[in-house]
């Protein structure tokens, strides 16, 4: 059964400006794994933007936004061996998911030159 759905769209340029800041600031939003992955690409800002949109969409699907202890750097988007994006949770954010008996998180990300978007569905 679906518990929540979230969607987000963001301008790549907005995130690109953010990624020019020092790593200390980036680590408040992205995990080191996400930072390393996105920096591998010539236009990594698109990948950063997609992951940022996924974090926003996740918080909307949870129904919490960035409250109740949900933190962006505890929501990590990775790619499995086939390239499919998956969300991995850490810390308080992971605990909240367990407390609410939420079992499965689905994510889809798309990006173009100027925009990135993500959709997250959370199942009970």
PDB file of N, CA and C in Angstrom:
ATOM      1  N   UNK A   1       0.839  -1.172   0.000  1.00  0.00           N
ATOM      2  CA  UNK A   1       0.000   0.000   0.000  1.00  0.00           C
ATOM      3  C   UNK A   1       0.895   1.250   0.000  1.00  0.00           C
ATOM      4  N   UNK A   2       0.525   2.238  -0.797  1.00  0.00           N
ATOM      5  CA  UNK A   2       1.295   3.475  -0.878  1.00  0.00           C
ATOM      6  C   UNK A   2       1.009   4.339   0.347  1.00  0.00           C
ATOM      7  N   UNK A   3       2.075   4.788   0.983  1.00  0.00           N
ATOM      8  CA  UNK A   3       1.961   5.656   2.146  1.00  0.00           C
ATOM      9  C   UNK A   3       2.136   7.125   1.763  1.00  0.00           C
ATOM     10  N   UNK A   4       3.006   7.390   0.774  1.00  0.00           N
ATOM     11  CA  UNK A   4       3.244   8.774   0.387  1.00  0.00           C
ATOM     12  C   UNK A   4       3.904   8.885  -0.966  1.00  0.00           C
ATOM     13  N   UNK A   5       3.647   9.993  -1.632  1.00  0.00           N
ATOM     14  CA  UNK A   5       4.260  10.300  -2.922  1.00  0.00           C
ATOM     15  C   UNK A   5       4.804  11.721  -2.838  1.00  0.00           C
ATOM     16  N   UNK A   6       6.012  11.907  -3.351  1.00  0.00           N
ATOM     17  CA  UNK A   6       6.607  13.234  -3.392  1.00  0.00           C
ATOM     18  C   UNK A   6       7.244  13.484  -4.738  1.00  0.00           C
ATOM     19  N   UNK A   7       7.232  14.719  -5.174  1.00  0.00           N
ATOM     20  CA  UNK A   7       7.845  15.106  -6.439  1.00  0.00           C
ATOM     21  C   UNK A   7       8.550  16.438  -6.234  1.00  0.00           C
ATOM     22  N   UNK A   8       9.650  16.637  -6.966  1.00  0.00           N
ATOM     23  CA  UNK A   8      10.348  17.910  -6.893  1.00  0.00           C
ATOM     24  C   UNK A   8      11.022  18.188  -8.222  1.00  0.00           C
ATOM     25  N   UNK A   9      11.151  19.458  -8.550  1.00  0.00           N
ATOM     26  CA  UNK A   9      11.888  19.907  -9.725  1.00  0.00           C
ATOM     27  C   UNK A   9      12.758  21.075  -9.284  1.00  0.00           C
ATOM     28  N   UNK A  10      13.967  21.135  -9.822  1.00  0.00           N
ATOM     29  CA  UNK A  10      14.892  22.201  -9.430  1.00  0.00           C
ATOM     30  C   UNK A  10      15.725  22.632 -10.625  1.00  0.00           C
ATOM     31  N   UNK A  11      16.109  23.897 -10.625  1.00  0.00           N
ATOM     32  CA  UNK A  11      16.996  24.403 -11.668  1.00  0.00           C
ATOM     33  C   UNK A  11      18.422  23.933 -11.382  1.00  0.00           C
ATOM     34  N   UNK A  12      19.071  23.388 -12.392  1.00  0.00           N
ATOM     35  CA  UNK A  12      20.440  22.894 -12.244  1.00  0.00           C
ATOM     36  C   UNK A  12      21.368  24.034 -11.826  1.00  0.00           C
ATOM     37  N   UNK A  13      21.191  25.219 -12.376  1.00  0.00           N
ATOM     38  CA  UNK A  13      22.051  26.356 -12.059  1.00  0.00           C
ATOM     39  C   UNK A  13      22.035  26.681 -10.566  1.00  0.00           C
ATOM     40  N   UNK A  14      20.868  26.550  -9.955  1.00  0.00           N
ATOM     41  CA  UNK A  14      20.751  26.821  -8.511  1.00  0.00           C
ATOM     42  C   UNK A  14      21.628  25.863  -7.707  1.00  0.00           C
ATOM     43  N   UNK A  15      21.628  24.601  -8.095  1.00  0.00           N
ATOM     44  CA  UNK A  15      22.433  23.607  -7.386  1.00  0.00           C
ATOM     45  C   UNK A  15      23.908  23.749  -7.757  1.00  0.00           C
ATOM     46  N   UNK A  16      24.179  24.127  -8.990  1.00  0.00           N
ATOM     47  CA  UNK A  16      25.566  24.326  -9.419  1.00  0.00           C
ATOM     48  C   UNK A  16      26.249  25.383  -8.543  1.00  0.00           C
ATOM     49  N   UNK A  17      25.552  26.450  -8.244  1.00  0.00           N
ATOM     50  CA  UNK A  17      26.103  27.495  -7.364  1.00  0.00           C
ATOM     51  C   UNK A  17      26.412  26.915  -5.989  1.00  0.00           C
ATOM     52  N   UNK A  18      25.543  26.074  -5.498  1.00  0.00           N
ATOM     53  CA  UNK A  18      25.725  25.428  -4.205  1.00  0.00           C
ATOM     54  C   UNK A  18      26.964  24.530  -4.208  1.00  0.00           C
ATOM     55  N   UNK A  19      27.188  23.814  -5.312  1.00  0.00           N
ATOM     56  CA  UNK A  19      28.305  22.856  -5.360  1.00  0.00           C
ATOM     57  C   UNK A  19      29.654  23.545  -5.474  1.00  0.00           C
ATOM     58  N   UNK A  20      29.673  24.827  -5.742  1.00  0.00           N
ATOM     59  CA  UNK A  20      30.936  25.572  -5.797  1.00  0.00           C
ATOM     60  C   UNK A  20      31.434  25.935  -4.406  1.00  0.00           C
ATOM     61  N   UNK A  21      30.577  25.771  -3.421  1.00  0.00           N
ATOM     62  CA  UNK A  21      30.955  26.102  -2.044  1.00  0.00           C
ATOM     63  C   UNK A  21      31.863  25.017  -1.491  1.00  0.00           C
ATOM     64  N   UNK A  22      32.420  25.269  -0.346  1.00  0.00           N
ATOM     65  CA  UNK A  22      33.347  24.312   0.258  1.00  0.00           C
ATOM     66  C   UNK A  22      32.648  23.010   0.648  1.00  0.00           C
ATOM     67  N   UNK A  23      33.442  21.945   0.742  1.00  0.00           N
ATOM     68  CA  UNK A  23      32.909  20.615   1.044  1.00  0.00           C
ATOM     69  C   UNK A  23      32.141  20.573   2.354  1.00  0.00           C
ATOM     70  N   UNK A  24      32.555  21.366   3.331  1.00  0.00           N
ATOM     71  CA  UNK A  24      31.877  21.373   4.628  1.00  0.00           C
ATOM     72  C   UNK A  24      30.392  21.707   4.446  1.00  0.00           C
ATOM     73  N   UNK A  25      30.107  22.668   3.577  1.00  0.00           N
ATOM     74  CA  UNK A  25      28.727  23.050   3.310  1.00  0.00           C
ATOM     75  C   UNK A  25      28.010  21.959   2.516  1.00  0.00           C
ATOM     76  N   UNK A  26      28.685  21.421   1.508  1.00  0.00           N
ATOM     77  CA  UNK A  26      28.092  20.351   0.688  1.00  0.00           C
ATOM     78  C   UNK A  26      27.697  19.153   1.537  1.00  0.00           C
ATOM     79  N   UNK A  27      28.524  18.824   2.539  1.00  0.00           N
ATOM     80  CA  UNK A  27      28.273  17.646   3.373  1.00  0.00           C
ATOM     81  C   UNK A  27      27.064  17.808   4.288  1.00  0.00           C
ATOM     82  N   UNK A  28      26.542  19.021   4.397  1.00  0.00           N
ATOM     83  CA  UNK A  28      25.294  19.212   5.146  1.00  0.00           C
ATOM     84  C   UNK A  28      24.106  18.734   4.316  1.00  0.00           C
ATOM     85  N   UNK A  29      24.296  18.636   3.003  1.00  0.00           N
ATOM     86  CA  UNK A  29      23.216  18.244   2.102  1.00  0.00           C
ATOM     87  C   UNK A  29      23.456  16.865   1.500  1.00  0.00           C
ATOM     88  N   UNK A  30      24.688  16.612   1.051  1.00  0.00           N
ATOM     89  CA  UNK A  30      25.009  15.376   0.339  1.00  0.00           C
ATOM     90  C   UNK A  30      25.957  14.502   1.161  1.00  0.00           C
ATOM     91  N   UNK A  31      25.861  13.194   0.955  1.00  0.00           N
ATOM     92  CA  UNK A  31      26.822  12.277   1.578  1.00  0.00           C
ATOM     93  C   UNK A  31      28.114  12.300   0.765  1.00  0.00           C
ATOM     94  N   UNK A  32      29.187  11.808   1.345  1.00  0.00           N
ATOM     95  CA  UNK A  32      30.456  11.763   0.622  1.00  0.00           C
ATOM     96  C   UNK A  32      30.344  10.886  -0.618  1.00  0.00           C
ATOM     97  N   UNK A  33      29.580   9.815  -0.532  1.00  0.00           N
ATOM     98  CA  UNK A  33      29.365   8.933  -1.695  1.00  0.00           C
ATOM     99  C   UNK A  33      28.698   9.705  -2.824  1.00  0.00           C
ATOM    100  N   UNK A  34      27.702  10.524  -2.511  1.00  0.00           N
ATOM    101  CA  UNK A  34      27.025  11.326  -3.536  1.00  0.00           C
ATOM    102  C   UNK A  34      27.978  12.363  -4.138  1.00  0.00           C
ATOM    103  N   UNK A  35      28.757  13.009  -3.292  1.00  0.00           N
ATOM    104  CA  UNK A  35      29.711  14.022  -3.766  1.00  0.00           C
ATOM    105  C   UNK A  35      30.719  13.391  -4.716  1.00  0.00           C
ATOM    106  N   UNK A  36      31.282  12.264  -4.329  1.00  0.00           N
ATOM    107  CA  UNK A  36      32.269  11.571  -5.177  1.00  0.00           C
ATOM    108  C   UNK A  36      31.650  11.148  -6.502  1.00  0.00           C
ATOM    109  N   UNK A  37      30.442  10.608  -6.466  1.00  0.00           N
ATOM    110  CA  UNK A  37      29.764  10.158  -7.680  1.00  0.00           C
ATOM    111  C   UNK A  37      29.522  11.331  -8.632  1.00  0.00           C
ATOM    112  N   UNK A  38      28.958  12.399  -8.137  1.00  0.00           N
ATOM    113  CA  UNK A  38      28.589  13.530  -8.991  1.00  0.00           C
ATOM    114  C   UNK A  38      29.804  14.238  -9.570  1.00  0.00           C
ATOM    115  N   UNK A  39      30.879  14.274  -8.821  1.00  0.00           N
ATOM    116  CA  UNK A  39      32.098  14.942  -9.304  1.00  0.00           C
ATOM    117  C   UNK A  39      32.813  14.162 -10.399  1.00  0.00           C
ATOM    118  N   UNK A  40      32.413  12.924 -10.632  1.00  0.00           N
ATOM    119  CA  UNK A  40      33.009  12.128 -11.715  1.00  0.00           C
ATOM    120  C   UNK A  40      32.591  12.629 -13.091  1.00  0.00           C
ATOM    121  N   UNK A  41      31.490  13.364 -13.146  1.00  0.00           N
ATOM    122  CA  UNK A  41      30.911  13.770 -14.423  1.00  0.00           C
ATOM    123  C   UNK A  41      31.332  15.192 -14.797  1.00  0.00           C
ATOM    124  N   UNK A  42      31.492  15.400 -16.090  1.00  0.00           N
ATOM    125  CA  UNK A  42      31.867  16.727 -16.586  1.00  0.00           C
ATOM    126  C   UNK A  42      30.841  17.774 -16.148  1.00  0.00           C
ATOM    127  N   UNK A  43      29.564  17.429 -16.254  1.00  0.00           N
ATOM    128  CA  UNK A  43      28.509  18.331 -15.792  1.00  0.00           C
ATOM    129  C   UNK A  43      27.836  17.705 -14.571  1.00  0.00           C
ATOM    130  N   UNK A  44      28.612  17.572 -13.525  1.00  0.00           N
ATOM    131  CA  UNK A  44      28.116  16.945 -12.300  1.00  0.00           C
ATOM    132  C   UNK A  44      26.971  17.690 -11.634  1.00  0.00           C
ATOM    133  N   UNK A  45      26.807  18.970 -11.979  1.00  0.00           N
ATOM    134  CA  UNK A  45      25.724  19.750 -11.372  1.00  0.00           C
ATOM    135  C   UNK A  45      24.362  19.131 -11.667  1.00  0.00           C
ATOM    136  N   UNK A  46      24.214  18.520 -12.852  1.00  0.00           N
ATOM    137  CA  UNK A  46      22.948  17.851 -13.170  1.00  0.00           C
ATOM    138  C   UNK A  46      22.699  16.688 -12.223  1.00  0.00           C
ATOM    139  N   UNK A  47      23.752  15.929 -11.916  1.00  0.00           N
ATOM    140  CA  UNK A  47      23.619  14.800 -11.007  1.00  0.00           C
ATOM    141  C   UNK A  47      23.353  15.269  -9.575  1.00  0.00           C
ATOM    142  N   UNK A  48      24.066  16.325  -9.158  1.00  0.00           N
ATOM    143  CA  UNK A  48      23.793  16.899  -7.840  1.00  0.00           C
ATOM    144  C   UNK A  48      22.340  17.366  -7.763  1.00  0.00           C
ATOM    145  N   UNK A  49      21.862  18.031  -8.816  1.00  0.00           N
ATOM    146  CA  UNK A  49      20.492  18.547  -8.826  1.00  0.00           C
ATOM    147  C   UNK A  49      19.477  17.413  -8.735  1.00  0.00           C
ATOM    148  N   UNK A  50      19.717  16.323  -9.456  1.00  0.00           N
ATOM    149  CA  UNK A  50      18.825  15.171  -9.392  1.00  0.00           C
ATOM    150  C   UNK A  50      18.752  14.585  -7.998  1.00  0.00           C
ATOM    151  N   UNK A  51      19.905  14.498  -7.347  1.00  0.00           N
ATOM    152  CA  UNK A  51      19.942  13.958  -5.990  1.00  0.00           C
ATOM    153  C   UNK A  51      19.290  14.927  -4.998  1.00  0.00           C
ATOM    154  N   UNK A  52      19.477  16.222  -5.213  1.00  0.00           N
ATOM    155  CA  UNK A  52      18.805  17.203  -4.368  1.00  0.00           C
ATOM    156  C   UNK A  52      17.288  17.075  -4.519  1.00  0.00           C
ATOM    157  N   UNK A  53      16.825  16.960  -5.753  1.00  0.00           N
ATOM    158  CA  UNK A  53      15.382  16.793  -6.005  1.00  0.00           C
ATOM    159  C   UNK A  53      14.857  15.519  -5.347  1.00  0.00           C
ATOM    160  N   UNK A  54      15.653  14.452  -5.357  1.00  0.00           N
ATOM    161  CA  UNK A  54      15.243  13.193  -4.727  1.00  0.00           C
ATOM    162  C   UNK A  54      15.083  13.370  -3.210  1.00  0.00           C
ATOM    163  N   UNK A  55      15.976  14.123  -2.593  1.00  0.00           N
ATOM    164  CA  UNK A  55      15.882  14.375  -1.156  1.00  0.00           C
ATOM    165  C   UNK A  55      14.603  15.165  -0.833  1.00  0.00           C
ATOM    166  N   UNK A  56      14.336  16.190  -1.639  1.00  0.00           N
ATOM    167  CA  UNK A  56      13.118  16.984  -1.456  1.00  0.00           C
ATOM    168  C   UNK A  56      11.869  16.117  -1.651  1.00  0.00           C
ATOM    169  N   UNK A  57      11.873  15.319  -2.722  1.00  0.00           N
ATOM    170  CA  UNK A  57      10.721  14.454  -3.004  1.00  0.00           C
ATOM    171  C   UNK A  57      10.520  13.439  -1.880  1.00  0.00           C
ATOM    172  N   UNK A  58      11.619  12.909  -1.344  1.00  0.00           N
ATOM    173  CA  UNK A  58      11.522  11.960  -0.226  1.00  0.00           C
ATOM    174  C   UNK A  58      10.874  12.626   0.985  1.00  0.00           C
ATOM    175  N   UNK A  59      11.328  13.836   1.326  1.00  0.00           N
ATOM    176  CA  UNK A  59      10.774  14.500   2.506  1.00  0.00           C
ATOM    177  C   UNK A  59       9.283  14.798   2.321  1.00  0.00           C
ATOM    178  N   UNK A  60       8.873  15.069   1.087  1.00  0.00           N
ATOM    179  CA  UNK A  60       7.452  15.289   0.800  1.00  0.00           C
ATOM    180  C   UNK A  60       6.668  13.982   0.909  1.00  0.00           C
ATOM    181  N   UNK A  61       7.241  12.897   0.413  1.00  0.00           N
ATOM    182  CA  UNK A  61       6.571  11.592   0.493  1.00  0.00           C
ATOM    183  C   UNK A  61       6.418  11.146   1.952  1.00  0.00           C
ATOM    184  N   UNK A  62       7.387  11.494   2.772  1.00  0.00           N
ATOM    185  CA  UNK A  62       7.300  11.171   4.201  1.00  0.00           C
ATOM    186  C   UNK A  62       6.223  12.011   4.883  1.00  0.00           C
ATOM    187  N   UNK A  63       5.924  13.173   4.309  1.00  0.00           N
ATOM    188  CA  UNK A  63       4.951  14.063   4.914  1.00  0.00           C
ATOM    189  C   UNK A  63       5.539  14.930   6.007  1.00  0.00           C
ATOM    190  N   UNK A  64       6.860  14.928   6.117  1.00  0.00           N
ATOM    191  CA  UNK A  64       7.519  15.673   7.199  1.00  0.00           C
ATOM    192  C   UNK A  64       8.210  16.931   6.717  1.00  0.00           C
ATOM    193  N   UNK A  65       8.576  16.978   5.440  1.00  0.00           N
ATOM    194  CA  UNK A  65       9.481  18.028   5.012  1.00  0.00           C
ATOM    195  C   UNK A  65      10.778  17.828   5.775  1.00  0.00           C
ATOM    196  N   UNK A  66      11.462  18.900   6.049  1.00  0.00           N
ATOM    197  CA  UNK A  66      12.695  18.798   6.839  1.00  0.00           C
ATOM    198  C   UNK A  66      12.405  19.119   8.297  1.00  0.00           C
ATOM    199  N   UNK A  67      11.550  18.280   8.889  1.00  0.00           N
ATOM    200  CA  UNK A  67      11.240  18.415  10.311  1.00  0.00           C
ATOM    201  C   UNK A  67      11.254  17.025  10.921  1.00  0.00           C
ATOM    202  N   UNK A  68      10.961  16.946  12.184  1.00  0.00           N
ATOM    203  CA  UNK A  68      10.958  15.658  12.903  1.00  0.00           C
ATOM    204  C   UNK A  68      12.296  14.935  12.824  1.00  0.00           C
ATOM    205  N   UNK A  69      13.374  15.664  12.569  1.00  0.00           N
ATOM    206  CA  UNK A  69      14.694  15.039  12.536  1.00  0.00           C
ATOM    207  C   UNK A  69      15.144  14.554  11.178  1.00  0.00           C
ATOM    208  N   UNK A  70      14.350  14.747  10.123  1.00  0.00           N
ATOM    209  CA  UNK A  70      14.754  14.353   8.772  1.00  0.00           C
ATOM    210  C   UNK A  70      15.828  15.327   8.288  1.00  0.00           C
ATOM    211  N   UNK A  71      16.981  14.774   7.862  1.00  0.00           N
ATOM    212  CA  UNK A  71      18.102  15.594   7.395  1.00  0.00           C
ATOM    213  C   UNK A  71      18.495  15.155   5.986  1.00  0.00           C
ATOM    214  N   UNK A  72      18.820  16.131   5.162  1.00  0.00           N
ATOM    215  CA  UNK A  72      19.220  15.825   3.780  1.00  0.00           C
ATOM    216  C   UNK A  72      20.402  14.869   3.714  1.00  0.00           C
ATOM    217  N   UNK A  73      21.413  15.062   4.564  1.00  0.00           N
ATOM    218  CA  UNK A  73      22.600  14.213   4.459  1.00  0.00           C
ATOM    219  C   UNK A  73      22.387  12.814   5.047  1.00  0.00           C
ATOM    220  N   UNK A  74      21.161  12.523   5.488  1.00  0.00           N
ATOM    221  CA  UNK A  74      20.801  11.167   5.906  1.00  0.00           C
ATOM    222  C   UNK A  74      19.963  10.463   4.845  1.00  0.00           C
ATOM    223  N   UNK A  75      19.737  11.153   3.739  1.00  0.00           N
ATOM    224  CA  UNK A  75      19.005  10.598   2.592  1.00  0.00           C
ATOM    225  C   UNK A  75      20.015  10.525   1.451  1.00  0.00           C
ATOM    226  N   UNK A  76      20.417   9.319   1.106  1.00  0.00           N
ATOM    227  CA  UNK A  76      21.458   9.143   0.089  1.00  0.00           C
ATOM    228  C   UNK A  76      20.877   8.457  -1.143  1.00  0.00           C
ATOM    229  N   UNK A  77      21.180   9.002  -2.304  1.00  0.00           N
ATOM    230  CA  UNK A  77      20.782   8.358  -3.549  1.00  0.00           C
ATOM    231  C   UNK A  77      22.006   7.703  -4.161  1.00  0.00           C
ATOM    232  N   UNK A  78      21.903   6.408  -4.389  1.00  0.00           N
ATOM    233  CA  UNK A  78      22.969   5.650  -5.041  1.00  0.00           C
ATOM    234  C   UNK A  78      22.396   5.046  -6.318  1.00  0.00           C
ATOM    235  N   UNK A  79      23.257   4.509  -7.138  1.00  0.00           N
ATOM    236  CA  UNK A  79      22.819   3.777  -8.318  1.00  0.00           C
ATOM    237  C   UNK A  79      23.210   2.324  -8.139  1.00  0.00           C
ATOM    238  N   UNK A  80      22.250   1.411  -8.392  1.00  0.00           N
ATOM    239  CA  UNK A  80      22.589  -0.010  -8.284  1.00  0.00           C
ATOM    240  C   UNK A  80      23.437  -0.430  -9.483  1.00  0.00           C
ATOM    241  N   UNK A  81      23.765  -1.698  -9.559  1.00  0.00           N
ATOM    242  CA  UNK A  81      24.660  -2.184 -10.615  1.00  0.00           C
ATOM    243  C   UNK A  81      24.102  -1.982 -12.031  1.00  0.00           C
ATOM    244  N   UNK A  82      22.801  -1.780 -12.155  1.00  0.00           N
ATOM    245  CA  UNK A  82      22.183  -1.523 -13.457  1.00  0.00           C
ATOM    246  C   UNK A  82      21.983  -0.026 -13.720  1.00  0.00           C
ATOM    247  N   UNK A  83      22.364   0.808 -12.756  1.00  0.00           N
ATOM    248  CA  UNK A  83      22.224   2.251 -12.906  1.00  0.00           C
ATOM    249  C   UNK A  83      20.939   2.819 -12.332  1.00  0.00           C
ATOM    250  N   UNK A  84      20.060   1.945 -11.833  1.00  0.00           N
ATOM    251  CA  UNK A  84      18.785   2.396 -11.261  1.00  0.00           C
ATOM    252  C   UNK A  84      19.048   3.122  -9.939  1.00  0.00           C
ATOM    253  N   UNK A  85      18.463   4.329  -9.773  1.00  0.00           N
ATOM    254  CA  UNK A  85      18.659   5.030  -8.498  1.00  0.00           C
ATOM    255  C   UNK A  85      17.896   4.361  -7.362  1.00  0.00           C
ATOM    256  N   UNK A  86      18.514   4.374  -6.202  1.00  0.00           N
ATOM    257  CA  UNK A  86      17.911   3.829  -4.985  1.00  0.00           C
ATOM    258  C   UNK A  86      18.224   4.769  -3.835  1.00  0.00           C
ATOM    259  N   UNK A  87      17.332   4.802  -2.860  1.00  0.00           N
ATOM    260  CA  UNK A  87      17.543   5.647  -1.682  1.00  0.00           C
ATOM    261  C   UNK A  87      17.974   4.778  -0.514  1.00  0.00           C
ATOM    262  N   UNK A  88      19.037   5.237   0.156  1.00  0.00           N
ATOM    263  CA  UNK A  88      19.545   4.602   1.367  1.00  0.00           C
ATOM    264  C   UNK A  88      19.425   5.650   2.471  1.00  0.00           C
ATOM    265  N   UNK A  89      18.933   5.229   3.625  1.00  0.00           N
ATOM    266  CA  UNK A  89      18.710   6.157   4.735  1.00  0.00           C
ATOM    267  C   UNK A  89      19.658   5.867   5.889  1.00  0.00           C
ATOM    268  N   UNK A  90      19.957   6.911   6.651  1.00  0.00           N
ATOM    269  CA  UNK A  90      20.837   6.804   7.810  1.00  0.00           C
ATOM    270  C   UNK A  90      20.226   7.566   8.985  1.00  0.00           C
ATOM    271  N   UNK A  91      20.757   7.309  10.172  1.00  0.00           N
ATOM    272  CA  UNK A  91      20.449   8.084  11.361  1.00  0.00           C
ATOM    273  C   UNK A  91      18.979   8.182  11.712  1.00  0.00           C
ATOM    274  N   UNK A  92      18.594   9.362  12.169  1.00  0.00           N
ATOM    275  CA  UNK A  92      17.222   9.625  12.620  1.00  0.00           C
ATOM    276  C   UNK A  92      16.216   9.427  11.488  1.00  0.00           C
ATOM    277  N   UNK A  93      16.604   9.777  10.274  1.00  0.00           N
ATOM    278  CA  UNK A  93      15.707   9.622   9.133  1.00  0.00           C
ATOM    279  C   UNK A  93      15.351   8.150   8.934  1.00  0.00           C
ATOM    280  N   UNK A  94      16.329   7.273   9.073  1.00  0.00           N
ATOM    281  CA  UNK A  94      16.084   5.830   8.961  1.00  0.00           C
ATOM    282  C   UNK A  94      15.170   5.346  10.091  1.00  0.00           C
ATOM    283  N   UNK A  95      15.403   5.868  11.295  1.00  0.00           N
ATOM    284  CA  UNK A  95      14.572   5.494  12.446  1.00  0.00           C
ATOM    285  C   UNK A  95      13.110   5.900  12.235  1.00  0.00           C
ATOM    286  N   UNK A  96      12.897   7.090  11.699  1.00  0.00           N
ATOM    287  CA  UNK A  96      11.535   7.573  11.454  1.00  0.00           C
ATOM    288  C   UNK A  96      10.813   6.643  10.485  1.00  0.00           C
ATOM    289  N   UNK A  97      11.502   6.220   9.453  1.00  0.00           N
ATOM    290  CA  UNK A  97      10.907   5.300   8.477  1.00  0.00           C
ATOM    291  C   UNK A  97      10.471   4.008   9.169  1.00  0.00           C
ATOM    292  N   UNK A  98      11.349   3.467  10.034  1.00  0.00           N
ATOM    293  CA  UNK A  98      11.030   2.233  10.769  1.00  0.00           C
ATOM    294  C   UNK A  98       9.863   2.433  11.727  1.00  0.00           C
ATOM    295  N   UNK A  99       9.888   3.550  12.463  1.00  0.00           N
ATOM    296  CA  UNK A  99       8.827   3.843  13.438  1.00  0.00           C
ATOM    297  C   UNK A  99       7.452   3.902  12.773  1.00  0.00           C
ATOM    298  N   UNK A 100       7.423   4.391  11.545  1.00  0.00           N
ATOM    299  CA  UNK A 100       6.158   4.519  10.808  1.00  0.00           C
ATOM    300  C   UNK A 100       5.804   3.255  10.034  1.00  0.00           C
ATOM    301  N   UNK A 101       6.625   2.220  10.213  1.00  0.00           N
ATOM    302  CA  UNK A 101       6.398   0.932   9.563  1.00  0.00           C
ATOM    303  C   UNK A 101       6.370   1.053   8.035  1.00  0.00           C
ATOM    304  N   UNK A 102       7.244   1.903   7.519  1.00  0.00           N
ATOM    305  CA  UNK A 102       7.344   2.083   6.071  1.00  0.00           C
ATOM    306  C   UNK A 102       8.432   1.150   5.553  1.00  0.00           C
ATOM    307  N   UNK A 103       8.132   0.442   4.499  1.00  0.00           N
ATOM    308  CA  UNK A 103       8.982  -0.665   4.084  1.00  0.00           C
ATOM    309  C   UNK A 103       9.821  -0.420   2.831  1.00  0.00           C
ATOM    310  N   UNK A 104       9.262   0.251   1.861  1.00  0.00           N
ATOM    311  CA  UNK A 104       9.918   0.301   0.558  1.00  0.00           C
ATOM    312  C   UNK A 104       9.887   1.720   0.000  1.00  0.00           C
ATOM    313  N   UNK A 105      11.027   2.170  -0.509  1.00  0.00           N
ATOM    314  CA  UNK A 105      11.133   3.495  -1.108  1.00  0.00           C
ATOM    315  C   UNK A 105      11.518   3.335  -2.574  1.00  0.00           C
ATOM    316  N   UNK A 106      10.733   3.931  -3.446  1.00  0.00           N
ATOM    317  CA  UNK A 106      11.022   3.925  -4.884  1.00  0.00           C
ATOM    318  C   UNK A 106      11.394   5.342  -5.292  1.00  0.00           C
ATOM    319  N   UNK A 107      12.377   5.477  -6.172  1.00  0.00           N
ATOM    320  CA  UNK A 107      12.779   6.802  -6.637  1.00  0.00           C
ATOM    321  C   UNK A 107      13.065   6.766  -8.134  1.00  0.00           C
ATOM    322  N   UNK A 108      12.691   7.835  -8.803  1.00  0.00           N
ATOM    323  CA  UNK A 108      13.028   8.018 -10.206  1.00  0.00           C
ATOM    324  C   UNK A 108      13.536   9.441 -10.363  1.00  0.00           C
ATOM    325  N   UNK A 109      14.648   9.578 -11.094  1.00  0.00           N
ATOM    326  CA  UNK A 109      15.295  10.879 -11.281  1.00  0.00           C
ATOM    327  C   UNK A 109      15.485  11.115 -12.775  1.00  0.00           C
ATOM    328  N   UNK A 110      15.281  12.363 -13.185  1.00  0.00           N
ATOM    329  CA  UNK A 110      15.560  12.750 -14.567  1.00  0.00           C
ATOM    330  C   UNK A 110      16.190  14.140 -14.548  1.00  0.00           C
ATOM    331  N   UNK A 111      17.112  14.372 -15.472  1.00  0.00           N
ATOM    332  CA  UNK A 111      17.680  15.709 -15.575  1.00  0.00           C
ATOM    333  C   UNK A 111      18.021  16.039 -17.017  1.00  0.00           C
ATOM    334  N   UNK A 112      17.908  17.329 -17.296  1.00  0.00           N
ATOM    335  CA  UNK A 112      18.275  17.906 -18.582  1.00  0.00           C
ATOM    336  C   UNK A 112      19.312  18.983 -18.296  1.00  0.00           C
ATOM    337  N   UNK A 113      19.634  19.739 -19.291  1.00  0.00           N
ATOM    338  CA  UNK A 113      20.631  20.792 -19.129  1.00  0.00           C
ATOM    339  C   UNK A 113      20.258  21.755 -18.002  1.00  0.00           C
ATOM    340  N   UNK A 114      19.008  22.191 -17.968  1.00  0.00           N
ATOM    341  CA  UNK A 114      18.606  23.248 -17.045  1.00  0.00           C
ATOM    342  C   UNK A 114      17.794  22.804 -15.830  1.00  0.00           C
ATOM    343  N   UNK A 115      17.206  21.613 -15.872  1.00  0.00           N
ATOM    344  CA  UNK A 115      16.320  21.172 -14.790  1.00  0.00           C
ATOM    345  C   UNK A 115      16.578  19.719 -14.409  1.00  0.00           C
ATOM    346  N   UNK A 116      16.293  19.429 -13.142  1.00  0.00           N
ATOM    347  CA  UNK A 116      16.316  18.051 -12.653  1.00  0.00           C
ATOM    348  C   UNK A 116      15.026  17.828 -11.878  1.00  0.00           C
ATOM    349  N   UNK A 117      14.531  16.611 -11.934  1.00  0.00           N
ATOM    350  CA  UNK A 117      13.300  16.286 -11.223  1.00  0.00           C
ATOM    351  C   UNK A 117      13.419  14.879 -10.616  1.00  0.00           C
ATOM    352  N   UNK A 118      12.641  14.657  -9.589  1.00  0.00           N
ATOM    353  CA  UNK A 118      12.610  13.342  -8.947  1.00  0.00           C
ATOM    354  C   UNK A 118      11.213  13.074  -8.401  1.00  0.00           C
ATOM    355  N   UNK A 119      10.856  11.806  -8.411  1.00  0.00           N
ATOM    356  CA  UNK A 119       9.608  11.329  -7.819  1.00  0.00           C
ATOM    357  C   UNK A 119       9.953  10.225  -6.837  1.00  0.00           C
ATOM    358  N   UNK A 120       9.344  10.265  -5.665  1.00  0.00           N
ATOM    359  CA  UNK A 120       9.563   9.227  -4.649  1.00  0.00           C
ATOM    360  C   UNK A 120       8.201   8.693  -4.215  1.00  0.00           C
ATOM    361  N   UNK A 121       8.117   7.370  -4.140  1.00  0.00           N
ATOM    362  CA  UNK A 121       6.933   6.692  -3.615  1.00  0.00           C
ATOM    363  C   UNK A 121       7.385   5.845  -2.437  1.00  0.00           C
ATOM    364  N   UNK A 122       6.676   5.966  -1.332  1.00  0.00           N
ATOM    365  CA  UNK A 122       6.988   5.174  -0.134  1.00  0.00           C
ATOM    366  C   UNK A 122       5.809   4.252   0.130  1.00  0.00           C
ATOM    367  N   UNK A 123       6.120   2.953   0.340  1.00  0.00           N
ATOM    368  CA  UNK A 123       5.102   1.949   0.614  1.00  0.00           C
ATOM    369  C   UNK A 123       5.158   1.497   2.066  1.00  0.00           C
ATOM    370  N   UNK A 124       3.979   1.093   2.557  1.00  0.00           N
ATOM    371  CA  UNK A 124       3.873   0.469   3.878  1.00  0.00           C
ATOM    372  C   UNK A 124       4.083  -1.006   3.733  1.00  0.00           C
TER     373      UNK A 124
END
